[in-house]
Structure formats: C-alpha cells, structure tokens
C-alpha cells in the first residue's frame, strides 16, 4: 500500500510539472501587461527600423521611411493599439 501511495504522489508531481508549472501566472496586473506590451513594441520597432535602414542602404526600400511605419507594422503584428500613451491589446 505504501508503494502505491509513493507512485501516486510521483505521478501527481510529474503531472503538475508537465502541465502546470510552465503556465504564466493568470493574475498579472494591468500594469504588468502594459509594461510587457511596451517592451514588445520597443523591440519590434527597433527591429523594423533596422530592417528599413538595411533596405535603404541596399536601395530596396525608401530610406526616408518614418518610425510611424514601424510603429503601425508592429502594432498590427502584435494586435496592439495605442491609447493614452499605452499599448493595449485589441
């Protein structure tokens, strides 16, 4: 009977580890989500500007593209919209 209890506990721990321990916490605050969205947009816009600069150097893209282009591309890609200076999920 003791072996059965140990096996049941091990199976329960394995189940928790495999399915439950990797999930992000569900109770994130609004401020944490807004901060995460801002970081996502910042990384994406840096990447887009670099890509636009590389395209301009290569003569493929108009080198005069503005940061607004990068902002709208990133917002569409991550389904975000800017309201009151913050990035919210659509």
N, C-alpha and C. Protein backbone atom coordinates (compact mmCIF):
# COMPACT_ATOMS: atom_id res chain seq x y z
N UNK A 1 0.82 -1.20 0.00
CA UNK A 1 0.00 0.00 0.00
C UNK A 1 0.86 1.26 0.00
N UNK A 2 1.99 1.24 0.69
CA UNK A 2 2.89 2.38 0.75
C UNK A 2 3.51 2.68 -0.61
N UNK A 3 3.83 1.60 -1.36
CA UNK A 3 4.40 1.80 -2.69
C UNK A 3 3.39 2.47 -3.62
N UNK A 4 2.14 2.10 -3.48
CA UNK A 4 1.09 2.69 -4.30
C UNK A 4 0.95 4.19 -4.00
N UNK A 5 1.06 4.55 -2.74
CA UNK A 5 0.97 5.97 -2.36
C UNK A 5 2.16 6.75 -2.94
N UNK A 6 3.34 6.18 -2.88
CA UNK A 6 4.53 6.85 -3.42
C UNK A 6 4.40 7.02 -4.93
N UNK A 7 3.93 6.00 -5.62
CA UNK A 7 3.75 6.07 -7.06
C UNK A 7 2.69 7.12 -7.41
N UNK A 8 1.61 7.17 -6.65
CA UNK A 8 0.55 8.16 -6.90
C UNK A 8 1.09 9.58 -6.70
N UNK A 9 1.88 9.77 -5.67
CA UNK A 9 2.47 11.09 -5.42
C UNK A 9 3.41 11.47 -6.54
N UNK A 10 4.25 10.55 -6.96
CA UNK A 10 5.18 10.82 -8.06
C UNK A 10 4.44 11.14 -9.35
N UNK A 11 3.39 10.41 -9.63
CA UNK A 11 2.59 10.69 -10.83
C UNK A 11 1.92 12.06 -10.74
N UNK A 12 1.44 12.40 -9.56
CA UNK A 12 0.83 13.72 -9.38
C UNK A 12 1.84 14.83 -9.57
N UNK A 13 3.04 14.68 -9.03
CA UNK A 13 4.08 15.68 -9.21
C UNK A 13 4.51 15.78 -10.67
N UNK A 14 4.63 14.65 -11.33
CA UNK A 14 5.00 14.65 -12.75
C UNK A 14 3.93 15.35 -13.57
N UNK A 15 2.67 15.08 -13.26
CA UNK A 15 1.57 15.73 -13.97
C UNK A 15 1.62 17.25 -13.76
N UNK A 16 1.81 17.69 -12.51
CA UNK A 16 1.88 19.12 -12.20
C UNK A 16 3.06 19.76 -12.94
N UNK A 17 4.21 19.10 -12.90
CA UNK A 17 5.39 19.67 -13.55
C UNK A 17 5.17 19.79 -15.06
N UNK A 18 4.63 18.76 -15.66
CA UNK A 18 4.48 18.74 -17.12
C UNK A 18 3.41 19.72 -17.60
N UNK A 19 2.28 19.79 -16.92
CA UNK A 19 1.16 20.60 -17.40
C UNK A 19 0.95 21.92 -16.67
N UNK A 20 1.39 22.03 -15.45
CA UNK A 20 1.04 23.21 -14.68
C UNK A 20 2.14 24.18 -14.39
N UNK A 21 3.35 23.74 -14.28
CA UNK A 21 4.41 24.62 -13.81
C UNK A 21 4.89 25.59 -14.88
N UNK A 22 4.58 25.36 -16.13
CA UNK A 22 5.06 26.22 -17.21
C UNK A 22 4.09 27.33 -17.57
N UNK A 23 2.90 27.29 -17.03
CA UNK A 23 1.90 28.30 -17.37
C UNK A 23 2.25 29.63 -16.70
N UNK A 24 2.10 30.73 -17.43
CA UNK A 24 2.33 32.03 -16.80
C UNK A 24 1.24 32.30 -15.77
N UNK A 25 1.54 33.06 -14.77
CA UNK A 25 0.52 33.32 -13.75
C UNK A 25 -0.68 34.06 -14.35
N UNK A 26 -1.86 33.61 -13.99
CA UNK A 26 -3.08 34.17 -14.56
C UNK A 26 -3.41 35.53 -13.96
N UNK A 27 -2.89 35.82 -12.80
CA UNK A 27 -3.26 37.03 -12.10
C UNK A 27 -2.34 38.21 -12.36
N UNK A 28 -1.84 38.36 -13.59
CA UNK A 28 -0.98 39.51 -13.89
C UNK A 28 -1.80 40.78 -13.80
N UNK A 29 -1.18 41.80 -13.28
CA UNK A 29 -1.89 43.07 -13.16
C UNK A 29 -1.90 43.80 -14.50
N UNK A 30 -2.77 44.78 -14.58
CA UNK A 30 -2.87 45.59 -15.80
C UNK A 30 -1.55 46.30 -16.07
N UNK A 31 -0.90 46.79 -15.02
CA UNK A 31 0.37 47.49 -15.18
C UNK A 31 1.45 46.56 -15.75
N UNK A 32 1.47 45.30 -15.31
CA UNK A 32 2.43 44.34 -15.85
C UNK A 32 2.18 44.05 -17.32
N UNK A 33 0.91 43.93 -17.69
CA UNK A 33 0.58 43.68 -19.11
C UNK A 33 0.96 44.88 -19.97
N UNK A 34 0.70 46.08 -19.49
CA UNK A 34 1.06 47.28 -20.25
C UNK A 34 2.57 47.40 -20.40
N UNK A 35 3.31 47.06 -19.35
CA UNK A 35 4.77 47.10 -19.41
C UNK A 35 5.28 46.07 -20.41
N UNK A 36 4.71 44.88 -20.39
CA UNK A 36 5.11 43.84 -21.34
C UNK A 36 4.80 44.26 -22.78
N UNK A 37 3.63 44.85 -22.99
CA UNK A 37 3.27 45.33 -24.34
C UNK A 37 4.24 46.42 -24.80
N UNK A 38 4.61 47.33 -23.90
CA UNK A 38 5.55 48.39 -24.26
C UNK A 38 6.91 47.82 -24.65
N UNK A 39 7.37 46.80 -23.91
CA UNK A 39 8.65 46.16 -24.23
C UNK A 39 8.58 45.45 -25.58
N UNK A 40 7.49 44.77 -25.85
CA UNK A 40 7.31 44.09 -27.14
C UNK A 40 7.36 45.10 -28.27
N UNK A 41 6.65 46.20 -28.11
CA UNK A 41 6.63 47.22 -29.17
C UNK A 41 8.00 47.85 -29.35
N UNK A 42 8.70 48.10 -28.26
CA UNK A 42 10.03 48.71 -28.37
C UNK A 42 10.99 47.79 -29.14
N UNK A 43 11.01 46.50 -28.80
CA UNK A 43 11.88 45.55 -29.51
C UNK A 43 11.50 45.45 -30.97
N UNK A 44 10.21 45.38 -31.26
CA UNK A 44 9.75 45.25 -32.64
C UNK A 44 10.10 46.49 -33.45
N UNK A 45 9.89 47.67 -32.88
CA UNK A 45 10.17 48.89 -33.62
C UNK A 45 11.66 49.06 -33.90
N UNK A 46 12.50 48.66 -32.96
CA UNK A 46 13.95 48.70 -33.21
C UNK A 46 14.30 47.78 -34.37
N UNK A 47 13.72 46.58 -34.34
CA UNK A 47 13.97 45.61 -35.41
C UNK A 47 13.49 46.15 -36.76
N UNK A 48 12.28 46.70 -36.80
CA UNK A 48 11.74 47.23 -38.05
C UNK A 48 12.57 48.39 -38.59
N UNK A 49 13.01 49.27 -37.70
CA UNK A 49 13.84 50.39 -38.16
C UNK A 49 15.16 49.90 -38.72
N UNK A 50 15.74 48.89 -38.10
CA UNK A 50 16.99 48.31 -38.63
C UNK A 50 16.76 47.70 -40.01
N UNK A 51 15.63 47.01 -40.15
CA UNK A 51 15.32 46.40 -41.44
C UNK A 51 15.09 47.47 -42.50
N UNK A 52 14.42 48.56 -42.14
CA UNK A 52 14.19 49.65 -43.08
C UNK A 52 15.51 50.31 -43.47
N UNK A 53 16.39 50.49 -42.49
CA UNK A 53 17.70 51.09 -42.78
C UNK A 53 18.51 50.19 -43.71
N UNK A 54 18.49 48.89 -43.43
CA UNK A 54 19.22 47.96 -44.29
C UNK A 54 18.65 47.97 -45.70
N UNK A 55 17.34 48.05 -45.82
CA UNK A 55 16.72 48.11 -47.14
C UNK A 55 17.06 49.40 -47.85
N UNK A 56 17.15 50.52 -47.11
CA UNK A 56 17.51 51.80 -47.71
C UNK A 56 18.93 51.81 -48.21
N UNK A 57 19.83 51.19 -47.44
CA UNK A 57 21.23 51.11 -47.85
C UNK A 57 21.36 50.27 -49.11
N UNK A 58 20.58 49.21 -49.18
CA UNK A 58 20.63 48.32 -50.35
C UNK A 58 19.86 48.89 -51.53
N UNK A 59 19.13 49.98 -51.31
CA UNK A 59 18.35 50.58 -52.39
C UNK A 59 17.04 49.89 -52.66
N UNK A 60 16.61 49.04 -51.75
CA UNK A 60 15.38 48.29 -51.95
C UNK A 60 14.17 49.06 -51.43
N UNK A 61 14.35 49.79 -50.32
CA UNK A 61 13.26 50.49 -49.65
C UNK A 61 13.61 51.97 -49.59
N UNK A 62 12.61 52.80 -49.60
CA UNK A 62 12.81 54.23 -49.44
C UNK A 62 13.47 54.49 -48.09
N UNK A 63 14.64 55.08 -48.08
CA UNK A 63 15.39 55.32 -46.86
C UNK A 63 14.72 56.34 -45.97
N UNK A 64 13.79 57.09 -46.47
CA UNK A 64 13.13 58.12 -45.68
C UNK A 64 11.92 57.64 -44.92
N UNK A 65 11.71 56.33 -44.80
CA UNK A 65 10.56 55.81 -44.08
C UNK A 65 10.61 56.27 -42.63
N UNK A 66 9.48 56.62 -42.09
CA UNK A 66 9.45 57.16 -40.73
C UNK A 66 9.24 56.05 -39.72
N UNK A 67 9.43 56.41 -38.45
CA UNK A 67 9.19 55.47 -37.37
C UNK A 67 7.73 55.11 -37.22
N UNK A 68 6.86 55.97 -37.76
CA UNK A 68 5.43 55.67 -37.70
C UNK A 68 5.11 54.41 -38.49
N UNK A 69 5.85 54.19 -39.58
CA UNK A 69 5.64 52.96 -40.35
C UNK A 69 5.97 51.75 -39.50
N UNK A 70 7.09 51.81 -38.80
CA UNK A 70 7.49 50.70 -37.94
C UNK A 70 6.47 50.51 -36.82
N UNK A 71 5.98 51.60 -36.26
CA UNK A 71 5.01 51.52 -35.18
C UNK A 71 3.72 50.85 -35.64
N UNK A 72 3.22 51.24 -36.80
CA UNK A 72 1.98 50.64 -37.29
C UNK A 72 2.18 49.17 -37.68
N UNK A 73 3.32 48.84 -38.25
CA UNK A 73 3.60 47.44 -38.58
C UNK A 73 3.63 46.58 -37.33
N UNK A 74 4.32 47.06 -36.30
CA UNK A 74 4.43 46.30 -35.06
C UNK A 74 3.09 46.18 -34.35
N UNK A 75 2.34 47.26 -34.34
CA UNK A 75 1.02 47.23 -33.69
C UNK A 75 0.12 46.21 -34.38
N UNK A 76 0.15 46.18 -35.70
CA UNK A 76 -0.66 45.19 -36.43
C UNK A 76 -0.17 43.77 -36.16
N UNK A 77 1.14 43.59 -36.13
CA UNK A 77 1.71 42.25 -35.93
C UNK A 77 1.35 41.69 -34.56
N UNK A 78 1.37 42.51 -33.53
CA UNK A 78 1.12 42.04 -32.17
C UNK A 78 -0.30 42.36 -31.68
N UNK A 79 -1.16 42.85 -32.56
CA UNK A 79 -2.56 43.14 -32.24
C UNK A 79 -2.67 44.07 -31.04
N UNK A 80 -1.94 45.19 -31.12
CA UNK A 80 -1.95 46.19 -30.06
C UNK A 80 -2.43 47.52 -30.63
N UNK A 81 -2.97 48.35 -29.75
CA UNK A 81 -3.36 49.70 -30.14
C UNK A 81 -2.92 50.66 -29.05
N UNK A 82 -2.56 51.87 -29.48
CA UNK A 82 -2.05 52.87 -28.54
C UNK A 82 -3.19 53.78 -28.10
N UNK A 83 -3.40 53.83 -26.79
CA UNK A 83 -4.40 54.72 -26.19
C UNK A 83 -3.78 55.36 -24.97
N UNK A 84 -3.90 56.66 -24.87
CA UNK A 84 -3.38 57.41 -23.72
C UNK A 84 -1.90 57.13 -23.49
N UNK A 85 -1.15 56.92 -24.57
CA UNK A 85 0.28 56.68 -24.46
C UNK A 85 0.67 55.28 -24.02
N UNK A 86 -0.29 54.37 -23.92
CA UNK A 86 -0.02 52.98 -23.50
C UNK A 86 -0.46 52.03 -24.61
N UNK A 87 0.16 50.85 -24.65
CA UNK A 87 -0.18 49.84 -25.65
C UNK A 87 -1.13 48.82 -25.04
N UNK A 88 -2.34 48.75 -25.58
CA UNK A 88 -3.37 47.84 -25.11
C UNK A 88 -3.64 46.77 -26.17
N UNK A 89 -4.02 45.58 -25.72
CA UNK A 89 -4.42 44.52 -26.64
C UNK A 89 -5.74 44.89 -27.28
N UNK A 90 -5.87 44.58 -28.57
CA UNK A 90 -7.13 44.86 -29.28
C UNK A 90 -8.19 43.88 -28.87
